[in-house]
Amino acid sequence: MHDDAANHLAFERAQGVLPGGVNSPVRAYRSVGGDPRFIASASGPYIRDVAGNEYVDLVCSWGPALLGHAHPAVVAAVQEAAARGLSFGAPTLGEVELAEEIRRRVPAAERVRLVSTGTEATMTAVRLARGVTGRPLIVKFAGCYHGHVDSLLAEAGSGVATQALPGSAGVTEATAAETLVLPYNDLAAVEEAFAERGSQIAAVITEAAPANMGIVPPAPGFNEGLRRITAAHGALLILDEVLTGFRVSASGWWGYETSTLGATYTPDLFTFGKVVGGGMPVAAIGGPAVLLDQLAPLGPVYQAGTLSGNPVAVAAGLATLQAADASVYSRVDTVSTIIGSAVSQALSAEGVAHRVQYSGNLFSVMFGEVAEAAGVHSYAQVQASDTFRYPPFFHAMLDAGVSLPPSVYEAWFVSAAHDDTAVSKILEALPAAAKAAAAATR
């Protein structure tokens, strides 16, 4: 067991000034119970809380820490950039270099607009799609999370799913009516929606490989089917790679799917975040020049941001992408497979029905007999799984010094810094966690 007193005091203090004591809802541990850990420092595969407890980290800042925490090359790049000035409100060569690196990895992103958050990226993509097509409606999928954009919160995953919220107060009926929510992995539903309202649909937005309702990979041909349907009706396809971009491969899920899985489609627009900022607030929208040049100052679709392309943030992102070579992706792939397999073995040994689902090197656990028998392919199936087994599993791992995502609806992340020692600590913690999951009751 770890000393939790300092974390409890920190949480009490935070609740006096921050709504719910946090600045992003899933951090509050509402779905797993207990006090959130307040992190004081991190390095490599480890995080340390304010009580001095150390944990092997399987959150990795929700994805950005691909290289591990406080990677020397990234820290040096940030320090050097900060010494030159924190923000200028003017163009810098760093912005150009980061955009060029994104395009090098994803050639279909011929033009890139940098923003500060994934929410800004998806918001801009949706506005651009509407501006280019002159149409009002957006199609999204239940369980996919695209940031806290008003019109995209309907039946969203991530923190919305964690708190069992249907959407969000403050989103008007008129705004919600601009979004059509369809079941994920159901091309027939997409065909039907376009048959009925295709002339009004500006775009379909989808997570490249959903990771905000747990890992629910796209069925073979699903993304290609979306491309076919949208192209036939003059709508755009927005591939949200905020979580998968530059993490599941050097060129994200699209690159993984086209190079490894044999897919042949290209979306109209990409959104990137997380890894592209290396732990700093950077995100991007990318696509062909004919579309991106419709953004101001060249085109009529307005988008702006005082801190977009912040010089310190882009330095972190560029250093991360430059250091993320083939050996980094190989190590992340290997470690995710080792841990995922060990999780499955431990749960099976205790008779816990489950399935570990993967999208590349992203993975998560789905509990229940239905999941074990046939996998989980939609948000409805995720919600019907045995989610009650996750909180005791989570806390048993935490007590053993392993920090998992504090929600069953999130992906697990590893880094290239997860060496054999860190992996061993995870594996040693699993038997007790599996027993806790087995003993759980509704």
Protein backbone atom coordinates (compact mmCIF):
# COMPACT_ATOMS: atom_id res chain seq x y z
CA MET A 1 0.00 0.00 0.00
CA HIS A 2 1.08 3.55 -0.69
CA ASP A 3 0.86 6.63 1.52
CA ASP A 4 -2.24 8.48 0.31
CA ALA A 5 -2.41 11.25 2.94
CA ALA A 6 -0.59 13.89 0.91
CA ASN A 7 -2.73 13.17 -2.14
CA HIS A 8 -5.90 13.41 -0.06
CA LEU A 9 -4.86 16.78 1.34
CA ALA A 10 -3.94 18.01 -2.14
CA PHE A 11 -7.33 16.92 -3.47
CA GLU A 12 -9.17 18.66 -0.64
CA ARG A 13 -7.23 21.83 -1.34
CA ALA A 14 -7.90 21.57 -5.08
CA GLN A 15 -11.64 21.15 -4.57
CA GLY A 16 -11.68 24.53 -2.84
CA VAL A 17 -10.61 26.32 -6.00
CA LEU A 18 -11.06 23.98 -9.01
CA PRO A 19 -14.48 22.55 -10.02
CA GLY A 20 -14.33 18.96 -8.82
CA GLY A 21 -10.71 19.53 -7.86
CA VAL A 22 -9.46 18.95 -11.42
CA ASN A 23 -9.08 20.70 -14.75
CA SER A 24 -10.23 17.74 -16.85
CA PRO A 25 -13.04 15.46 -15.59
CA VAL A 26 -11.53 11.97 -15.94
CA ARG A 27 -8.70 12.95 -13.59
CA ALA A 28 -11.15 13.07 -10.68
CA TYR A 29 -11.26 9.25 -10.30
CA ARG A 30 -15.08 9.37 -10.25
CA SER A 31 -15.43 6.03 -12.07
CA VAL A 32 -12.84 4.17 -9.98
CA GLY A 33 -13.25 5.88 -6.62
CA GLY A 34 -10.68 7.26 -4.22
CA ASP A 35 -8.47 10.31 -4.39
CA PRO A 36 -6.59 11.13 -7.59
CA ARG A 37 -2.82 11.06 -7.42
CA PHE A 38 -1.28 14.52 -7.68
CA ILE A 39 1.87 14.15 -9.71
CA ALA A 40 5.01 16.00 -8.67
CA SER A 41 7.46 14.71 -11.29
CA ALA A 42 8.03 12.08 -13.95
CA SER A 43 10.91 10.53 -15.83
CA GLY A 44 11.12 7.68 -18.31
CA PRO A 45 8.31 5.20 -17.58
CA TYR A 46 7.70 6.46 -14.03
CA ILE A 47 5.59 9.13 -12.36
CA ARG A 48 5.90 10.27 -8.74
CA ASP A 49 3.13 11.78 -6.64
CA VAL A 50 3.25 14.46 -3.96
CA ALA A 51 3.63 11.79 -1.27
CA GLY A 52 6.77 10.48 -2.93
CA ASN A 53 5.16 7.29 -4.26
CA GLU A 54 6.49 6.02 -7.59
CA TYR A 55 4.37 4.30 -10.22
CA VAL A 56 5.01 2.69 -13.57
CA ASP A 57 2.91 4.87 -15.84
CA LEU A 58 0.48 3.37 -18.35
CA VAL A 59 -1.26 6.68 -19.04
CA CYS A 60 1.72 8.52 -20.54
CA SER A 61 -0.14 11.84 -20.37
CA TRP A 62 -2.94 10.18 -22.39
CA GLY A 63 -0.55 9.46 -25.23
CA PRO A 64 1.99 12.26 -25.78
CA ALA A 65 4.82 10.62 -23.81
CA LEU A 66 5.76 8.27 -26.65
CA LEU A 67 9.45 8.54 -25.76
CA GLY A 68 8.82 8.45 -22.01
CA HIS A 69 8.59 11.36 -19.60
CA ALA A 70 11.18 14.15 -19.61
CA HIS A 71 13.13 12.72 -22.54
CA PRO A 72 16.50 14.53 -22.57
CA ALA A 73 16.25 15.66 -26.21
CA VAL A 74 12.76 17.07 -25.70
CA VAL A 75 13.67 18.81 -22.44
CA ALA A 76 16.75 20.36 -24.05
CA ALA A 77 14.71 21.60 -27.02
CA VAL A 78 12.13 23.17 -24.69
CA GLN A 79 14.79 24.83 -22.54
CA GLU A 80 16.55 26.27 -25.57
CA ALA A 81 13.30 27.56 -27.05
CA ALA A 82 12.17 29.07 -23.73
CA ALA A 83 15.47 30.91 -23.40
CA ARG A 84 14.75 32.62 -26.73
CA GLY A 85 11.30 33.78 -25.64
CA LEU A 86 8.01 32.20 -24.62
CA SER A 87 5.63 33.66 -27.19
CA PHE A 88 5.85 36.19 -30.00
CA GLY A 89 2.43 36.38 -31.65
CA ALA A 90 4.31 36.20 -34.94
CA PRO A 91 5.49 33.45 -37.30
CA THR A 92 8.56 31.37 -36.44
CA LEU A 93 10.60 28.85 -38.37
CA GLY A 94 9.81 26.26 -35.70
CA GLU A 95 6.18 26.22 -36.86
CA VAL A 96 7.29 25.61 -40.41
CA GLU A 97 9.66 22.82 -39.42
CA LEU A 98 7.00 21.01 -37.40
CA ALA A 99 4.48 21.30 -40.24
CA GLU A 100 7.08 19.96 -42.68
CA GLU A 101 7.75 16.99 -40.39
CA ILE A 102 4.02 16.24 -40.20
CA ARG A 103 3.78 16.36 -43.99
CA ARG A 104 6.85 14.16 -44.35
CA ARG A 105 5.19 11.50 -42.23
CA VAL A 106 1.70 11.97 -43.70
CA PRO A 107 2.12 13.17 -47.31
CA ALA A 108 -1.66 13.57 -47.69
CA ALA A 109 -1.39 16.46 -45.20
CA GLU A 110 -0.16 18.78 -47.93
CA ARG A 111 -1.00 21.83 -45.83
CA VAL A 112 -1.04 22.02 -42.02
CA ARG A 113 -2.62 24.53 -39.65
CA LEU A 114 -1.26 24.38 -36.09
CA VAL A 115 -3.55 24.95 -33.12
CA SER A 116 -3.22 24.32 -29.39
CA THR A 117 -5.63 21.47 -28.61
CA GLY A 118 -7.31 18.51 -30.22
CA THR A 119 -10.66 20.17 -29.60
CA GLU A 120 -9.52 23.18 -31.64
CA ALA A 121 -8.35 20.88 -34.41
CA THR A 122 -11.66 19.03 -34.72
CA MET A 123 -13.66 22.25 -34.35
CA THR A 124 -11.66 23.78 -37.20
CA ALA A 125 -12.06 20.67 -39.36
CA VAL A 126 -15.83 20.73 -38.90
CA ARG A 127 -16.05 24.45 -39.66
CA LEU A 128 -13.88 24.00 -42.73
CA ALA A 129 -16.04 21.11 -43.96
CA ARG A 130 -19.17 23.20 -43.61
CA GLY A 131 -17.52 26.20 -45.22
CA VAL A 132 -16.29 24.21 -48.22
CA THR A 133 -19.49 22.24 -48.82
CA GLY A 134 -22.07 24.80 -47.76
CA ARG A 135 -23.88 22.06 -45.85
CA PRO A 136 -24.92 22.03 -42.17
CA LEU A 137 -24.87 18.43 -40.94
CA ILE A 138 -22.03 16.38 -39.45
CA VAL A 139 -22.12 12.60 -38.98
CA LYS A 140 -20.29 11.15 -35.96
CA PHE A 141 -20.32 7.77 -34.26
CA ALA A 142 -21.53 6.81 -30.81
CA GLY A 143 -18.59 6.38 -28.45
CA CYS A 144 -16.16 8.43 -30.51
CA TYR A 145 -14.84 11.50 -28.73
CA HIS A 146 -13.64 14.50 -30.69
CA GLY A 147 -13.01 17.01 -27.95
CA HIS A 148 -15.54 19.21 -26.19
CA VAL A 149 -16.93 20.84 -29.33
CA ASP A 150 -20.64 21.50 -28.67
CA SER A 151 -21.98 19.66 -31.69
CA LEU A 152 -19.68 16.66 -31.21
CA LEU A 153 -20.47 15.83 -27.57
CA ALA A 154 -23.54 13.75 -28.39
CA GLU A 155 -22.97 10.12 -27.29
CA ALA A 156 -19.26 10.80 -26.89
CA GLY A 157 -16.68 8.59 -25.24
CA SER A 158 -13.81 9.51 -22.89
CA GLY A 159 -14.85 11.64 -19.91
CA VAL A 160 -18.43 11.91 -21.14
CA ALA A 161 -18.76 8.13 -21.07
CA THR A 162 -16.90 7.88 -17.76
CA GLN A 163 -19.44 10.14 -16.06
CA ALA A 164 -22.42 8.57 -17.87
CA LEU A 165 -23.43 11.92 -19.36
CA PRO A 166 -25.62 11.84 -22.49
CA GLY A 167 -23.88 14.92 -23.82
CA SER A 168 -23.51 18.17 -21.95
CA ALA A 169 -25.68 20.85 -20.41
CA GLY A 170 -25.22 24.07 -22.30
CA VAL A 171 -25.45 22.47 -25.74
CA THR A 172 -28.59 23.82 -27.40
CA GLU A 173 -31.12 21.66 -29.21
CA ALA A 174 -30.35 23.54 -32.42
CA THR A 175 -26.65 22.73 -32.11
CA ALA A 176 -27.31 19.08 -31.28
CA ALA A 177 -29.61 18.82 -34.29
CA GLU A 178 -26.66 19.58 -36.56
CA THR A 179 -25.09 16.21 -35.66
CA LEU A 180 -26.27 12.78 -36.74
CA VAL A 181 -25.02 10.07 -34.36
CA LEU A 182 -24.72 6.59 -35.84
CA PRO A 183 -23.56 3.24 -34.40
CA TYR A 184 -19.86 2.63 -34.95
CA ASN A 185 -18.73 -0.03 -37.42
CA ASP A 186 -22.16 0.03 -39.14
CA LEU A 187 -21.74 1.02 -42.78
CA ALA A 188 -25.37 0.18 -43.52
CA ALA A 189 -26.44 2.93 -41.09
CA VAL A 190 -24.12 5.37 -42.85
CA GLU A 191 -25.55 4.40 -46.24
CA GLU A 192 -29.07 4.95 -44.91
CA ALA A 193 -28.23 8.34 -43.43
CA PHE A 194 -26.76 9.52 -46.72
CA ALA A 195 -29.69 8.12 -48.68
CA GLU A 196 -32.04 10.22 -46.56
CA ARG A 197 -30.02 13.40 -45.99
CA GLY A 198 -26.89 13.18 -48.11
CA SER A 199 -27.37 16.58 -49.71
CA GLN A 200 -27.23 18.17 -46.24
CA ILE A 201 -24.21 16.29 -44.83
CA ALA A 202 -20.96 18.27 -44.86
CA ALA A 203 -18.72 15.57 -43.38
CA VAL A 204 -18.32 12.34 -41.51
CA ILE A 205 -15.89 12.57 -38.61
CA THR A 206 -14.51 9.41 -37.07
CA GLU A 207 -11.68 8.42 -34.78
CA ALA A 208 -9.19 6.67 -37.04
CA ALA A 209 -9.26 3.78 -34.55
CA PRO A 210 -11.51 4.61 -31.59
CA ALA A 211 -9.72 4.78 -28.26
CA ASN A 212 -12.13 6.83 -26.15
CA MET A 213 -14.58 4.04 -25.34
CA GLY A 214 -11.77 1.64 -24.70
CA ILE A 215 -10.16 0.19 -27.80
CA VAL A 216 -12.76 -0.63 -30.46
CA PRO A 217 -10.89 -1.14 -33.74
CA PRO A 218 -12.54 -0.33 -37.05
CA ALA A 219 -13.83 -3.40 -38.84
CA PRO A 220 -11.83 -4.31 -41.96
CA GLY A 221 -12.94 -1.98 -44.72
CA PHE A 222 -14.93 0.36 -42.44
CA ASN A 223 -12.81 3.47 -42.97
CA GLU A 224 -12.56 2.68 -46.68
CA GLY A 225 -16.33 2.37 -46.77
CA LEU A 226 -16.70 5.79 -45.20
CA ARG A 227 -14.42 7.21 -47.87
CA ARG A 228 -16.49 5.60 -50.62
CA ILE A 229 -19.81 6.85 -49.24
CA THR A 230 -18.68 10.40 -48.53
CA ALA A 231 -17.00 10.76 -51.92
CA ALA A 232 -20.15 9.56 -53.67
CA HIS A 233 -22.22 12.25 -51.96
CA GLY A 234 -19.77 15.17 -52.10
CA ALA A 235 -19.13 15.14 -48.35
CA LEU A 236 -15.75 15.20 -46.62
CA LEU A 237 -14.19 12.48 -44.49
CA ILE A 238 -12.42 13.78 -41.37
CA LEU A 239 -10.06 11.25 -39.80
CA ASP A 240 -9.44 12.15 -36.16
CA GLU A 241 -5.91 11.03 -35.32
CA VAL A 242 -5.54 13.06 -32.13
CA LEU A 243 -4.84 9.85 -30.18
CA THR A 244 -3.50 7.56 -32.90
CA GLY A 245 -1.45 10.06 -34.89
CA PHE A 246 2.30 9.36 -34.72
CA ARG A 247 1.70 6.86 -31.91
CA VAL A 248 0.50 3.65 -33.54
CA SER A 249 3.05 4.19 -36.32
CA ALA A 250 5.31 6.89 -37.70
CA SER A 251 2.38 8.04 -39.86
CA GLY A 252 -0.45 7.23 -37.48
CA TRP A 253 -3.38 4.89 -38.00
CA TRP A 254 -3.87 5.93 -41.63
CA GLY A 255 -0.27 5.05 -42.35
CA TYR A 256 -0.56 1.80 -40.40
CA GLU A 257 -3.79 0.85 -42.13
CA THR A 258 -2.53 1.62 -45.63
CA SER A 259 0.96 0.18 -45.26
CA THR A 260 0.26 -2.83 -43.01
CA LEU A 261 -3.41 -3.70 -43.42
CA GLY A 262 -3.73 -3.05 -47.14
CA ALA A 263 -6.23 -0.19 -47.06
CA THR A 264 -6.24 2.14 -50.06
CA TYR A 265 -8.26 5.19 -48.99
CA THR A 266 -7.22 8.76 -48.20
CA PRO A 267 -9.39 11.04 -46.01
CA ASP A 268 -10.01 14.67 -46.86
CA LEU A 269 -8.86 16.04 -43.52
CA PHE A 270 -6.75 14.81 -40.62
CA THR A 271 -6.69 16.09 -37.06
CA PHE A 272 -3.60 15.50 -34.94
CA GLY A 273 -2.75 16.08 -31.28
CA LYS A 274 -1.03 14.44 -28.29
CA VAL A 275 2.28 13.07 -29.69
CA VAL A 276 2.57 15.95 -32.16
CA GLY A 277 3.16 18.23 -29.17
CA GLY A 278 5.40 15.90 -27.20
CA GLY A 279 3.60 16.78 -23.97
CA MET A 280 3.05 20.45 -24.78
CA PRO A 281 -0.25 21.93 -26.07
CA VAL A 282 0.03 21.48 -29.83
CA ALA A 283 -2.48 20.04 -32.28
CA ALA A 284 -3.01 20.35 -36.01
CA ILE A 285 -5.37 19.98 -38.91
CA GLY A 286 -3.94 18.71 -42.19
CA GLY A 287 -5.15 18.02 -45.69
CA PRO A 288 -4.78 18.97 -49.34
CA ALA A 289 -4.00 22.56 -50.30
CA VAL A 290 -7.32 22.94 -52.11
CA LEU A 291 -9.11 22.49 -48.77
CA LEU A 292 -6.68 23.99 -46.23
CA ASP A 293 -6.25 27.12 -48.33
CA GLN A 294 -9.89 27.88 -47.63
CA LEU A 295 -8.79 28.90 -44.13
CA ALA A 296 -8.05 32.56 -43.44
CA PRO A 297 -6.03 34.48 -44.49
CA LEU A 298 -6.37 32.88 -47.94
CA GLY A 299 -9.98 31.75 -47.71
CA PRO A 300 -13.32 32.65 -46.11
CA VAL A 301 -13.22 30.12 -43.23
CA TYR A 302 -11.93 31.97 -40.20
CA GLN A 303 -9.66 30.41 -37.60
CA ALA A 304 -7.11 32.07 -35.34
CA GLY A 305 -5.20 31.56 -32.11
CA THR A 306 -2.81 33.78 -30.18
CA LEU A 307 -0.81 30.78 -28.95
CA SER A 308 -1.15 28.63 -32.09
CA GLY A 309 2.33 27.46 -33.08
CA ASN A 310 3.76 28.58 -29.75
CA PRO A 311 7.58 28.42 -30.13
CA VAL A 312 8.21 26.44 -26.94
CA ALA A 313 5.43 23.96 -27.68
CA VAL A 314 6.43 23.33 -31.29
CA ALA A 315 10.02 22.77 -30.15
CA ALA A 316 8.77 19.93 -27.92
CA GLY A 317 6.71 18.46 -30.73
CA LEU A 318 9.46 18.62 -33.31
CA ALA A 319 12.04 17.10 -30.96
CA THR A 320 9.62 14.26 -30.16
CA LEU A 321 8.89 13.44 -33.78
CA GLN A 322 12.57 13.65 -34.73
CA ALA A 323 13.49 11.23 -31.95
CA ALA A 324 10.61 8.84 -32.73
CA ASP A 325 12.45 6.53 -35.12
CA ALA A 326 11.78 2.93 -36.10
CA SER A 327 13.35 1.59 -32.89
CA VAL A 328 10.91 3.65 -30.79
CA TYR A 329 7.87 2.22 -32.56
CA SER A 330 9.32 -1.28 -32.41
CA ARG A 331 9.80 -1.05 -28.66
CA VAL A 332 6.32 0.38 -28.06
CA ASP A 333 4.78 -2.37 -30.19
CA THR A 334 6.71 -5.07 -28.32
CA VAL A 335 5.91 -3.76 -24.84
CA SER A 336 2.20 -3.32 -25.57
CA THR A 337 1.99 -6.92 -26.77
CA ILE A 338 3.84 -8.24 -23.71
CA ILE A 339 1.65 -6.33 -21.25
CA GLY A 340 -1.61 -7.03 -23.06
CA SER A 341 -0.86 -10.75 -23.21
CA ALA A 342 0.10 -10.83 -19.54
CA VAL A 343 -3.12 -9.04 -18.56
CA SER A 344 -5.12 -11.63 -20.46
CA GLN A 345 -3.23 -14.54 -18.90
CA ALA A 346 -3.68 -13.20 -15.39
CA LEU A 347 -7.42 -12.64 -15.83
CA SER A 348 -7.90 -16.04 -17.45
CA ALA A 349 -6.10 -17.69 -14.54
CA GLU A 350 -8.76 -16.23 -12.23
CA GLY A 351 -11.63 -17.18 -14.52
CA VAL A 352 -12.50 -13.59 -15.43
CA ALA A 353 -14.24 -13.41 -18.81
CA HIS A 354 -12.61 -10.68 -20.87
CA ARG A 355 -10.90 -9.70 -24.07
CA VAL A 356 -7.87 -7.46 -24.54
CA GLN A 357 -8.50 -5.41 -27.67
CA TYR A 358 -5.79 -3.76 -29.74
CA SER A 359 -5.49 -1.07 -32.35
CA GLY A 360 -1.82 -1.26 -33.22
CA ASN A 361 0.03 -0.62 -29.96
CA LEU A 362 -3.01 0.85 -28.19
CA PHE A 363 -4.93 -1.62 -26.07
CA SER A 364 -7.51 -1.94 -23.32
CA VAL A 365 -9.48 -4.61 -21.46
CA MET A 366 -13.14 -5.37 -22.10
CA PHE A 367 -14.75 -7.44 -19.33
CA GLY A 368 -17.59 -9.91 -19.82
CA GLU A 369 -18.61 -13.10 -21.54
CA VAL A 370 -19.91 -11.32 -24.65
CA ALA A 371 -16.61 -9.51 -25.06
CA GLU A 372 -14.67 -12.72 -24.58
CA ALA A 373 -16.76 -14.63 -27.10
CA ALA A 374 -16.93 -12.19 -29.98
CA GLY A 375 -15.09 -8.99 -29.11
CA VAL A 376 -16.58 -5.53 -28.71
CA HIS A 377 -17.40 -3.60 -31.87
CA SER A 378 -19.68 -0.74 -30.84
CA TYR A 379 -20.38 1.71 -28.04
CA ALA A 380 -23.54 -0.18 -27.07
CA GLN A 381 -21.48 -3.33 -26.56
CA VAL A 382 -18.92 -1.39 -24.52
CA GLN A 383 -21.65 -0.08 -22.24
CA ALA A 384 -23.03 -3.60 -21.80
CA SER A 385 -19.67 -5.01 -20.68
CA ASP A 386 -18.80 -5.86 -17.06
CA THR A 387 -17.34 -2.45 -16.26
CA PHE A 388 -17.78 -3.07 -12.50
CA ARG A 389 -14.68 -5.26 -12.55
CA TYR A 390 -12.38 -2.39 -13.50
CA PRO A 391 -12.28 -0.23 -10.30
CA PRO A 392 -10.91 -3.00 -8.04
CA PHE A 393 -8.53 -4.07 -10.79
CA PHE A 394 -7.35 -0.46 -11.13
CA HIS A 395 -6.79 0.05 -7.39
CA ALA A 396 -4.96 -3.25 -6.97
CA MET A 397 -2.55 -2.17 -9.71
CA LEU A 398 -2.20 1.28 -8.15
CA ASP A 399 -1.42 -0.23 -4.75
CA ALA A 400 1.30 -2.30 -6.44
CA GLY A 401 2.86 0.78 -8.02
CA VAL A 402 1.28 0.75 -11.50
CA SER A 403 -0.80 3.68 -12.71
CA LEU A 404 -3.56 2.72 -15.16
CA PRO A 405 -6.05 5.06 -16.83
CA PRO A 406 -8.67 5.93 -14.17
CA SER A 407 -11.52 4.83 -16.43
CA VAL A 408 -12.41 1.60 -18.18
CA TYR A 409 -13.30 3.71 -21.23
CA GLU A 410 -9.72 4.78 -21.94
CA ALA A 411 -6.81 3.26 -23.84
CA TRP A 412 -3.63 2.06 -22.14
CA PHE A 413 -0.43 3.70 -23.35
CA VAL A 414 3.19 2.58 -23.16
CA SER A 415 6.38 4.36 -24.12
CA ALA A 416 9.75 3.47 -25.55
CA ALA A 417 11.15 4.11 -22.06
CA HIS A 418 9.28 1.14 -20.61
CA ASP A 419 12.31 -1.06 -20.12
CA ASP A 420 12.41 -4.63 -18.83
CA THR A 421 12.47 -3.48 -15.20
CA ALA A 422 9.33 -1.38 -15.62
CA VAL A 423 7.58 -4.15 -17.52
CA SER A 424 8.47 -6.66 -14.80
CA LYS A 425 6.83 -4.46 -12.16
CA ILE A 426 3.65 -4.42 -14.22
CA LEU A 427 3.67 -8.18 -14.67
CA GLU A 428 4.27 -8.75 -10.95
CA ALA A 429 1.24 -6.60 -10.10
CA LEU A 430 -1.20 -8.43 -12.37
CA PRO A 431 -2.05 -11.60 -10.37
CA ALA A 432 -3.39 -9.66 -7.38
CA ALA A 433 -5.27 -7.27 -9.66
CA ALA A 434 -6.86 -10.18 -11.50
CA LYS A 435 -8.00 -11.66 -8.17
CA ALA A 436 -9.56 -8.32 -7.28
CA ALA A 437 -11.40 -8.21 -10.61
CA ALA A 438 -12.63 -11.77 -10.08
CA ALA A 439 -13.99 -10.89 -6.62
CA ALA A 440 -15.81 -7.79 -7.84
CA THR A 441 -19.60 -7.62 -7.66
CA ARG A 442 -22.05 -5.31 -9.37
